[in-house]
Amino acid sequence: MVESNCSMVTQLAYELEVLRAKRANAKQRREETAKALAEANTRMEAIIKQRVTDSLDKAIAWEKKATKTKRDYGDIYKDLYSSKA
């Protein structure tokens, strides 16, 4: 009887340790997942900022070119038609 109780206590202690290990592993995985998600969000934010910056740079360059072209052609138009008047 004593051996049976001792065996049962040993078995329950082992099962308790297994459950504790599973809980610790689950907690560690949860922390790793949260960390990976935070890193992914940081990278995604950096990529979006870079793409927006690139897009704005292209738009500004195009606008400067369009303004310069418009100004140059406007000056040519003024020179052609204002000298005859």
PDB file of N, CA and C in Angstrom:
ATOM      1  N   MET A   1       0.805  -1.191   0.000  1.00  0.00           N
ATOM      2  CA  MET A   1       0.000   0.000   0.000  1.00  0.00           C
ATOM      3  C   MET A   1       0.853   1.262   0.000  1.00  0.00           C
ATOM      4  N   VAL A   2       1.903   1.236   0.843  1.00  0.00           N
ATOM      5  CA  VAL A   2       2.793   2.388   0.927  1.00  0.00           C
ATOM      6  C   VAL A   2       3.524   2.575  -0.396  1.00  0.00           C
ATOM      7  N   GLU A   3       3.957   1.474  -0.970  1.00  0.00           N
ATOM      8  CA  GLU A   3       4.647   1.562  -2.261  1.00  0.00           C
ATOM      9  C   GLU A   3       3.716   2.082  -3.340  1.00  0.00           C
ATOM     10  N   SER A   4       2.478   1.689  -3.296  1.00  0.00           N
ATOM     11  CA  SER A   4       1.495   2.155  -4.266  1.00  0.00           C
ATOM     12  C   SER A   4       1.284   3.658  -4.133  1.00  0.00           C
ATOM     13  N   ASN A   5       1.168   4.129  -2.891  1.00  0.00           N
ATOM     14  CA  ASN A   5       1.002   5.567  -2.662  1.00  0.00           C
ATOM     15  C   ASN A   5       2.248   6.337  -3.095  1.00  0.00           C
ATOM     16  N   CYS A   6       3.396   5.772  -2.789  1.00  0.00           N
ATOM     17  CA  CYS A   6       4.662   6.412  -3.168  1.00  0.00           C
ATOM     18  C   CYS A   6       4.786   6.493  -4.684  1.00  0.00           C
ATOM     19  N   SER A   7       4.398   5.423  -5.346  1.00  0.00           N
ATOM     20  CA  SER A   7       4.438   5.392  -6.806  1.00  0.00           C
ATOM     21  C   SER A   7       3.475   6.418  -7.390  1.00  0.00           C
ATOM     22  N   MET A   8       2.287   6.533  -6.785  1.00  0.00           N
ATOM     23  CA  MET A   8       1.306   7.490  -7.277  1.00  0.00           C
ATOM     24  C   MET A   8       1.811   8.925  -7.072  1.00  0.00           C
ATOM     25  N   VAL A   9       2.438   9.189  -5.940  1.00  0.00           N
ATOM     26  CA  VAL A   9       2.990  10.518  -5.665  1.00  0.00           C
ATOM     27  C   VAL A   9       4.089  10.835  -6.669  1.00  0.00           C
ATOM     28  N   THR A  10       4.933   9.877  -6.950  1.00  0.00           N
ATOM     29  CA  THR A  10       6.004  10.074  -7.928  1.00  0.00           C
ATOM     30  C   THR A  10       5.424  10.359  -9.307  1.00  0.00           C
ATOM     31  N   GLN A  11       4.409   9.605  -9.685  1.00  0.00           N
ATOM     32  CA  GLN A  11       3.760   9.804 -10.986  1.00  0.00           C
ATOM     33  C   GLN A  11       3.122  11.191 -11.063  1.00  0.00           C
ATOM     34  N   LEU A  12       2.429  11.597 -10.009  1.00  0.00           N
ATOM     35  CA  LEU A  12       1.792  12.917  -9.993  1.00  0.00           C
ATOM     36  C   LEU A  12       2.838  14.042 -10.011  1.00  0.00           C
ATOM     37  N   ALA A  13       3.942  13.839  -9.319  1.00  0.00           N
ATOM     38  CA  ALA A  13       5.013  14.836  -9.322  1.00  0.00           C
ATOM     39  C   ALA A  13       5.599  14.976 -10.726  1.00  0.00           C
ATOM     40  N   TYR A  14       5.774  13.843 -11.391  1.00  0.00           N
ATOM     41  CA  TYR A  14       6.284  13.867 -12.765  1.00  0.00           C
ATOM     42  C   TYR A  14       5.309  14.605 -13.692  1.00  0.00           C
ATOM     43  N   GLU A  15       4.009  14.294 -13.573  1.00  0.00           N
ATOM     44  CA  GLU A  15       3.007  14.957 -14.412  1.00  0.00           C
ATOM     45  C   GLU A  15       2.969  16.459 -14.134  1.00  0.00           C
ATOM     46  N   LEU A  16       3.146  16.834 -12.869  1.00  0.00           N
ATOM     47  CA  LEU A  16       3.176  18.246 -12.505  1.00  0.00           C
ATOM     48  C   LEU A  16       4.368  18.945 -13.161  1.00  0.00           C
ATOM     49  N   GLU A  17       5.509  18.301 -13.152  1.00  0.00           N
ATOM     50  CA  GLU A  17       6.696  18.882 -13.793  1.00  0.00           C
ATOM     51  C   GLU A  17       6.497  19.019 -15.302  1.00  0.00           C
ATOM     52  N   VAL A  18       5.863  18.024 -15.914  1.00  0.00           N
ATOM     53  CA  VAL A  18       5.580  18.082 -17.351  1.00  0.00           C
ATOM     54  C   VAL A  18       4.663  19.261 -17.655  1.00  0.00           C
ATOM     55  N   LEU A  19       3.623  19.433 -16.852  1.00  0.00           N
ATOM     56  CA  LEU A  19       2.697  20.553 -17.055  1.00  0.00           C
ATOM     57  C   LEU A  19       3.395  21.899 -16.861  1.00  0.00           C
ATOM     58  N   ARG A  20       4.264  21.984 -15.873  1.00  0.00           N
ATOM     59  CA  ARG A  20       5.024  23.230 -15.651  1.00  0.00           C
ATOM     60  C   ARG A  20       5.927  23.536 -16.847  1.00  0.00           C
ATOM     61  N   ALA A  21       6.557  22.500 -17.374  1.00  0.00           N
ATOM     62  CA  ALA A  21       7.430  22.696 -18.534  1.00  0.00           C
ATOM     63  C   ALA A  21       6.618  23.154 -19.749  1.00  0.00           C
ATOM     64  N   LYS A  22       5.449  22.547 -19.957  1.00  0.00           N
ATOM     65  CA  LYS A  22       4.591  22.958 -21.081  1.00  0.00           C
ATOM     66  C   LYS A  22       4.148  24.405 -20.918  1.00  0.00           C
ATOM     67  N   ARG A  23       3.799  24.774 -19.694  1.00  0.00           N
ATOM     68  CA  ARG A  23       3.366  26.153 -19.434  1.00  0.00           C
ATOM     69  C   ARG A  23       4.509  27.130 -19.701  1.00  0.00           C
ATOM     70  N   ALA A  24       5.705  26.770 -19.242  1.00  0.00           N
ATOM     71  CA  ALA A  24       6.865  27.634 -19.467  1.00  0.00           C
ATOM     72  C   ALA A  24       7.153  27.768 -20.960  1.00  0.00           C
ATOM     73  N   ASN A  25       7.042  26.663 -21.703  1.00  0.00           N
ATOM     74  CA  ASN A  25       7.270  26.706 -23.147  1.00  0.00           C
ATOM     75  C   ASN A  25       6.232  27.573 -23.842  1.00  0.00           C
ATOM     76  N   ALA A  26       4.977  27.446 -23.421  1.00  0.00           N
ATOM     77  CA  ALA A  26       3.912  28.253 -24.028  1.00  0.00           C
ATOM     78  C   ALA A  26       4.142  29.735 -23.751  1.00  0.00           C
ATOM     79  N   LYS A  27       4.547  30.044 -22.534  1.00  0.00           N
ATOM     80  CA  LYS A  27       4.821  31.441 -22.173  1.00  0.00           C
ATOM     81  C   LYS A  27       5.991  31.980 -22.993  1.00  0.00           C
ATOM     82  N   GLN A  28       7.036  31.170 -23.150  1.00  0.00           N
ATOM     83  CA  GLN A  28       8.197  31.588 -23.931  1.00  0.00           C
ATOM     84  C   GLN A  28       7.811  31.798 -25.396  1.00  0.00           C
ATOM     85  N   ARG A  29       7.015  30.901 -25.963  1.00  0.00           N
ATOM     86  CA  ARG A  29       6.570  31.055 -27.355  1.00  0.00           C
ATOM     87  C   ARG A  29       5.729  32.312 -27.516  1.00  0.00           C
ATOM     88  N   ARG A  30       4.874  32.591 -26.541  1.00  0.00           N
ATOM     89  CA  ARG A  30       4.034  33.786 -26.582  1.00  0.00           C
ATOM     90  C   ARG A  30       4.914  35.041 -26.590  1.00  0.00           C
ATOM     91  N   GLU A  31       5.937  35.056 -25.740  1.00  0.00           N
ATOM     92  CA  GLU A  31       6.853  36.199 -25.689  1.00  0.00           C
ATOM     93  C   GLU A  31       7.626  36.342 -26.998  1.00  0.00           C
ATOM     94  N   GLU A  32       8.081  35.215 -27.545  1.00  0.00           N
ATOM     95  CA  GLU A  32       8.809  35.256 -28.812  1.00  0.00           C
ATOM     96  C   GLU A  32       7.912  35.750 -29.944  1.00  0.00           C
ATOM     97  N   THR A  33       6.661  35.321 -29.930  1.00  0.00           N
ATOM     98  CA  THR A  33       5.713  35.755 -30.959  1.00  0.00           C
ATOM     99  C   THR A  33       5.454  37.250 -30.856  1.00  0.00           C
ATOM    100  N   ALA A  34       5.285  37.742 -29.642  1.00  0.00           N
ATOM    101  CA  ALA A  34       5.060  39.178 -29.447  1.00  0.00           C
ATOM    102  C   ALA A  34       6.273  39.981 -29.911  1.00  0.00           C
ATOM    103  N   LYS A  35       7.462  39.478 -29.618  1.00  0.00           N
ATOM    104  CA  LYS A  35       8.689  40.162 -30.033  1.00  0.00           C
ATOM    105  C   LYS A  35       8.815  40.156 -31.554  1.00  0.00           C
ATOM    106  N   ALA A  36       8.533  39.025 -32.178  1.00  0.00           N
ATOM    107  CA  ALA A  36       8.611  38.931 -33.640  1.00  0.00           C
ATOM    108  C   ALA A  36       7.594  39.855 -34.300  1.00  0.00           C
ATOM    109  N   LEU A  37       6.404  39.941 -33.732  1.00  0.00           N
ATOM    110  CA  LEU A  37       5.378  40.833 -34.264  1.00  0.00           C
ATOM    111  C   LEU A  37       5.814  42.289 -34.155  1.00  0.00           C
ATOM    112  N   ALA A  38       6.399  42.657 -33.035  1.00  0.00           N
ATOM    113  CA  ALA A  38       6.884  44.027 -32.859  1.00  0.00           C
ATOM    114  C   ALA A  38       7.983  44.347 -33.868  1.00  0.00           C
ATOM    115  N   GLU A  39       8.891  43.407 -34.086  1.00  0.00           N
ATOM    116  CA  GLU A  39       9.962  43.610 -35.065  1.00  0.00           C
ATOM    117  C   GLU A  39       9.394  43.740 -36.475  1.00  0.00           C
ATOM    118  N   ALA A  40       8.421  42.909 -36.808  1.00  0.00           N
ATOM    119  CA  ALA A  40       7.804  42.975 -38.135  1.00  0.00           C
ATOM    120  C   ALA A  40       7.088  44.307 -38.328  1.00  0.00           C
ATOM    121  N   ASN A  41       6.399  44.773 -37.307  1.00  0.00           N
ATOM    122  CA  ASN A  41       5.724  46.069 -37.401  1.00  0.00           C
ATOM    123  C   ASN A  41       6.725  47.203 -37.583  1.00  0.00           C
ATOM    124  N   THR A  42       7.842  47.131 -36.885  1.00  0.00           N
ATOM    125  CA  THR A  42       8.875  48.153 -37.013  1.00  0.00           C
ATOM    126  C   THR A  42       9.448  48.159 -38.426  1.00  0.00           C
ATOM    127  N   ARG A  43       9.743  46.970 -38.952  1.00  0.00           N
ATOM    128  CA  ARG A  43      10.266  46.881 -40.316  1.00  0.00           C
ATOM    129  C   ARG A  43       9.250  47.374 -41.333  1.00  0.00           C
ATOM    130  N   MET A  44       7.987  46.993 -41.153  1.00  0.00           N
ATOM    131  CA  MET A  44       6.936  47.414 -42.073  1.00  0.00           C
ATOM    132  C   MET A  44       6.793  48.938 -42.055  1.00  0.00           C
ATOM    133  N   GLU A  45       6.853  49.524 -40.880  1.00  0.00           N
ATOM    134  CA  GLU A  45       6.746  50.980 -40.761  1.00  0.00           C
ATOM    135  C   GLU A  45       7.915  51.664 -41.474  1.00  0.00           C
ATOM    136  N   ALA A  46       9.112  51.118 -41.315  1.00  0.00           N
ATOM    137  CA  ALA A  46      10.280  51.691 -41.980  1.00  0.00           C
ATOM    138  C   ALA A  46      10.155  51.579 -43.500  1.00  0.00           C
ATOM    139  N   ILE A  47       9.671  50.445 -43.989  1.00  0.00           N
ATOM    140  CA  ILE A  47       9.498  50.257 -45.432  1.00  0.00           C
ATOM    141  C   ILE A  47       8.464  51.237 -45.970  1.00  0.00           C
ATOM    142  N   ILE A  48       7.356  51.400 -45.251  1.00  0.00           N
ATOM    143  CA  ILE A  48       6.317  52.327 -45.703  1.00  0.00           C
ATOM    144  C   ILE A  48       6.851  53.749 -45.735  1.00  0.00           C
ATOM    145  N   LYS A  49       7.571  54.144 -44.695  1.00  0.00           N
ATOM    146  CA  LYS A  49       8.144  55.497 -44.664  1.00  0.00           C
ATOM    147  C   LYS A  49       9.100  55.704 -45.831  1.00  0.00           C
ATOM    148  N   GLN A  50       9.920  54.698 -46.131  1.00  0.00           N
ATOM    149  CA  GLN A  50      10.873  54.817 -47.230  1.00  0.00           C
ATOM    150  C   GLN A  50      10.149  54.948 -48.560  1.00  0.00           C
ATOM    151  N   ARG A  51       9.116  54.146 -48.762  1.00  0.00           N
ATOM    152  CA  ARG A  51       8.362  54.212 -50.024  1.00  0.00           C
ATOM    153  C   ARG A  51       7.649  55.549 -50.173  1.00  0.00           C
ATOM    154  N   VAL A  52       7.096  56.066 -49.089  1.00  0.00           N
ATOM    155  CA  VAL A  52       6.437  57.375 -49.143  1.00  0.00           C
ATOM    156  C   VAL A  52       7.457  58.455 -49.472  1.00  0.00           C
ATOM    157  N   THR A  53       8.617  58.387 -48.841  1.00  0.00           N
ATOM    158  CA  THR A  53       9.672  59.365 -49.108  1.00  0.00           C
ATOM    159  C   THR A  53      10.105  59.301 -50.566  1.00  0.00           C
ATOM    160  N   ASP A  54      10.308  58.090 -51.080  1.00  0.00           N
ATOM    161  CA  ASP A  54      10.693  57.938 -52.486  1.00  0.00           C
ATOM    162  C   ASP A  54       9.624  58.492 -53.413  1.00  0.00           C
ATOM    163  N   SER A  55       8.367  58.200 -53.107  1.00  0.00           N
ATOM    164  CA  SER A  55       7.267  58.682 -53.934  1.00  0.00           C
ATOM    165  C   SER A  55       7.198  60.203 -53.912  1.00  0.00           C
ATOM    166  N   LEU A  56       7.355  60.789 -52.739  1.00  0.00           N
ATOM    167  CA  LEU A  56       7.336  62.254 -52.631  1.00  0.00           C
ATOM    168  C   LEU A  56       8.518  62.874 -53.366  1.00  0.00           C
ATOM    169  N   ASP A  57       9.680  62.248 -53.261  1.00  0.00           N
ATOM    170  CA  ASP A  57      10.848  62.756 -53.979  1.00  0.00           C
ATOM    171  C   ASP A  57      10.610  62.744 -55.484  1.00  0.00           C
ATOM    172  N   LYS A  58      10.009  61.658 -55.988  1.00  0.00           N
ATOM    173  CA  LYS A  58       9.705  61.584 -57.420  1.00  0.00           C
ATOM    174  C   LYS A  58       8.696  62.655 -57.813  1.00  0.00           C
ATOM    175  N   ALA A  59       7.675  62.842 -56.990  1.00  0.00           N
ATOM    176  CA  ALA A  59       6.640  63.834 -57.293  1.00  0.00           C
ATOM    177  C   ALA A  59       7.219  65.239 -57.283  1.00  0.00           C
ATOM    178  N   ILE A  60       8.080  65.520 -56.325  1.00  0.00           N
ATOM    179  CA  ILE A  60       8.698  66.849 -56.249  1.00  0.00           C
ATOM    180  C   ILE A  60       9.610  67.075 -57.445  1.00  0.00           C
ATOM    181  N   ALA A  61      10.394  66.063 -57.807  1.00  0.00           N
ATOM    182  CA  ALA A  61      11.280  66.195 -58.965  1.00  0.00           C
ATOM    183  C   ALA A  61      10.460  66.427 -60.231  1.00  0.00           C
ATOM    184  N   TRP A  62       9.376  65.695 -60.395  1.00  0.00           N
ATOM    185  CA  TRP A  62       8.525  65.861 -61.575  1.00  0.00           C
ATOM    186  C   TRP A  62       7.903  67.253 -61.582  1.00  0.00           C
ATOM    187  N   GLU A  63       7.453  67.724 -60.424  1.00  0.00           N
ATOM    188  CA  GLU A  63       6.832  69.050 -60.326  1.00  0.00           C
ATOM    189  C   GLU A  63       7.851  70.142 -60.645  1.00  0.00           C
ATOM    190  N   LYS A  64       9.068  69.987 -60.150  1.00  0.00           N
ATOM    191  CA  LYS A  64      10.117  70.972 -60.457  1.00  0.00           C
ATOM    192  C   LYS A  64      10.394  70.998 -61.956  1.00  0.00           C
ATOM    193  N   LYS A  65      10.469  69.811 -62.561  1.00  0.00           N
ATOM    194  CA  LYS A  65      10.727  69.730 -63.996  1.00  0.00           C
ATOM    195  C   LYS A  65       9.578  70.363 -64.774  1.00  0.00           C
ATOM    196  N   ALA A  66       8.334  70.071 -64.373  1.00  0.00           N
ATOM    197  CA  ALA A  66       7.173  70.636 -65.062  1.00  0.00           C
ATOM    198  C   ALA A  66       7.146  72.150 -64.911  1.00  0.00           C
ATOM    199  N   THR A  67       7.462  72.645 -63.727  1.00  0.00           N
ATOM    200  CA  THR A  67       7.483  74.092 -63.491  1.00  0.00           C
ATOM    201  C   THR A  67       8.568  74.750 -64.327  1.00  0.00           C
ATOM    202  N   LYS A  68       9.742  74.127 -64.384  1.00  0.00           N
ATOM    203  CA  LYS A  68      10.846  74.688 -65.166  1.00  0.00           C
ATOM    204  C   LYS A  68      10.479  74.713 -66.646  1.00  0.00           C
ATOM    205  N   THR A  69       9.907  73.608 -67.132  1.00  0.00           N
ATOM    206  CA  THR A  69       9.506  73.541 -68.542  1.00  0.00           C
ATOM    207  C   THR A  69       8.452  74.595 -68.847  1.00  0.00           C
ATOM    208  N   LYS A  70       7.486  74.724 -67.983  1.00  0.00           N
ATOM    209  CA  LYS A  70       6.423  75.713 -68.169  1.00  0.00           C
ATOM    210  C   LYS A  70       7.010  77.128 -68.171  1.00  0.00           C
ATOM    211  N   ARG A  71       7.917  77.389 -67.266  1.00  0.00           N
ATOM    212  CA  ARG A  71       8.556  78.703 -67.182  1.00  0.00           C
ATOM    213  C   ARG A  71       9.394  78.973 -68.432  1.00  0.00           C
ATOM    214  N   ASP A  72      10.154  77.971 -68.865  1.00  0.00           N
ATOM    215  CA  ASP A  72      10.992  78.149 -70.057  1.00  0.00           C
ATOM    216  C   ASP A  72      10.143  78.411 -71.291  1.00  0.00           C
ATOM    217  N   TYR A  73       9.093  77.603 -71.477  1.00  0.00           N
ATOM    218  CA  TYR A  73       8.240  77.809 -72.645  1.00  0.00           C
ATOM    219  C   TYR A  73       7.459  79.109 -72.535  1.00  0.00           C
ATOM    220  N   GLY A  74       7.105  79.496 -71.326  1.00  0.00           N
ATOM    221  CA  GLY A  74       6.427  80.776 -71.126  1.00  0.00           C
ATOM    222  C   GLY A  74       7.334  81.928 -71.516  1.00  0.00           C
ATOM    223  N   ASP A  75       8.616  81.825 -71.148  1.00  0.00           N
ATOM    224  CA  ASP A  75       9.578  82.867 -71.514  1.00  0.00           C
ATOM    225  C   ASP A  75       9.766  82.918 -73.023  1.00  0.00           C
ATOM    226  N   ILE A  76       9.841  81.757 -73.658  1.00  0.00           N
ATOM    227  CA  ILE A  76       9.985  81.718 -75.122  1.00  0.00           C
ATOM    228  C   ILE A  76       8.766  82.353 -75.770  1.00  0.00           C
ATOM    229  N   TYR A  77       7.571  82.022 -75.271  1.00  0.00           N
ATOM    230  CA  TYR A  77       6.325  82.586 -75.809  1.00  0.00           C
ATOM    231  C   TYR A  77       6.324  84.100 -75.636  1.00  0.00           C
ATOM    232  N   LYS A  78       6.723  84.576 -74.463  1.00  0.00           N
ATOM    233  CA  LYS A  78       6.765  86.022 -74.218  1.00  0.00           C
ATOM    234  C   LYS A  78       7.767  86.689 -75.151  1.00  0.00           C
ATOM    235  N   ASP A  79       8.926  86.087 -75.312  1.00  0.00           N
ATOM    236  CA  ASP A  79       9.953  86.666 -76.180  1.00  0.00           C
ATOM    237  C   ASP A  79       9.474  86.740 -77.627  1.00  0.00           C
ATOM    238  N   LEU A  80       8.809  85.697 -78.094  1.00  0.00           N
ATOM    239  CA  LEU A  80       8.350  85.677 -79.481  1.00  0.00           C
ATOM    240  C   LEU A  80       7.276  86.722 -79.746  1.00  0.00           C
ATOM    241  N   TYR A  81       6.328  86.823 -78.879  1.00  0.00           N
ATOM    242  CA  TYR A  81       5.159  87.651 -79.160  1.00  0.00           C
ATOM    243  C   TYR A  81       5.216  89.040 -78.533  1.00  0.00           C
ATOM    244  N   SER A  82       6.056  89.253 -77.548  1.00  0.00           N
ATOM    245  CA  SER A  82       6.133  90.592 -76.959  1.00  0.00           C
ATOM    246  C   SER A  82       7.074  91.488 -77.760  1.00  0.00           C
ATOM    247  N   SER A  83       8.036  90.929 -78.467  1.00  0.00           N
ATOM    248  CA  SER A  83       8.960  91.747 -79.261  1.00  0.00           C
ATOM    249  C   SER A  83       8.283  92.290 -80.516  1.00  0.00           C
ATOM    250  N   LYS A  84       7.246  91.639 -81.023  1.00  0.00           N
ATOM    251  CA  LYS A  84       6.539  92.089 -82.216  1.00  0.00           C
ATOM    252  C   LYS A  84       5.522  93.172 -81.876  1.00  0.00           C
ATOM    253  N   ALA A  85       5.120  93.260 -80.638  1.00  0.00           N
ATOM    254  CA  ALA A  85       4.075  94.228 -80.287  1.00  0.00           C
ATOM    255  C   ALA A  85       4.579  95.628 -80.195  1.00  0.00           C
TER     256      ALA A  85
END
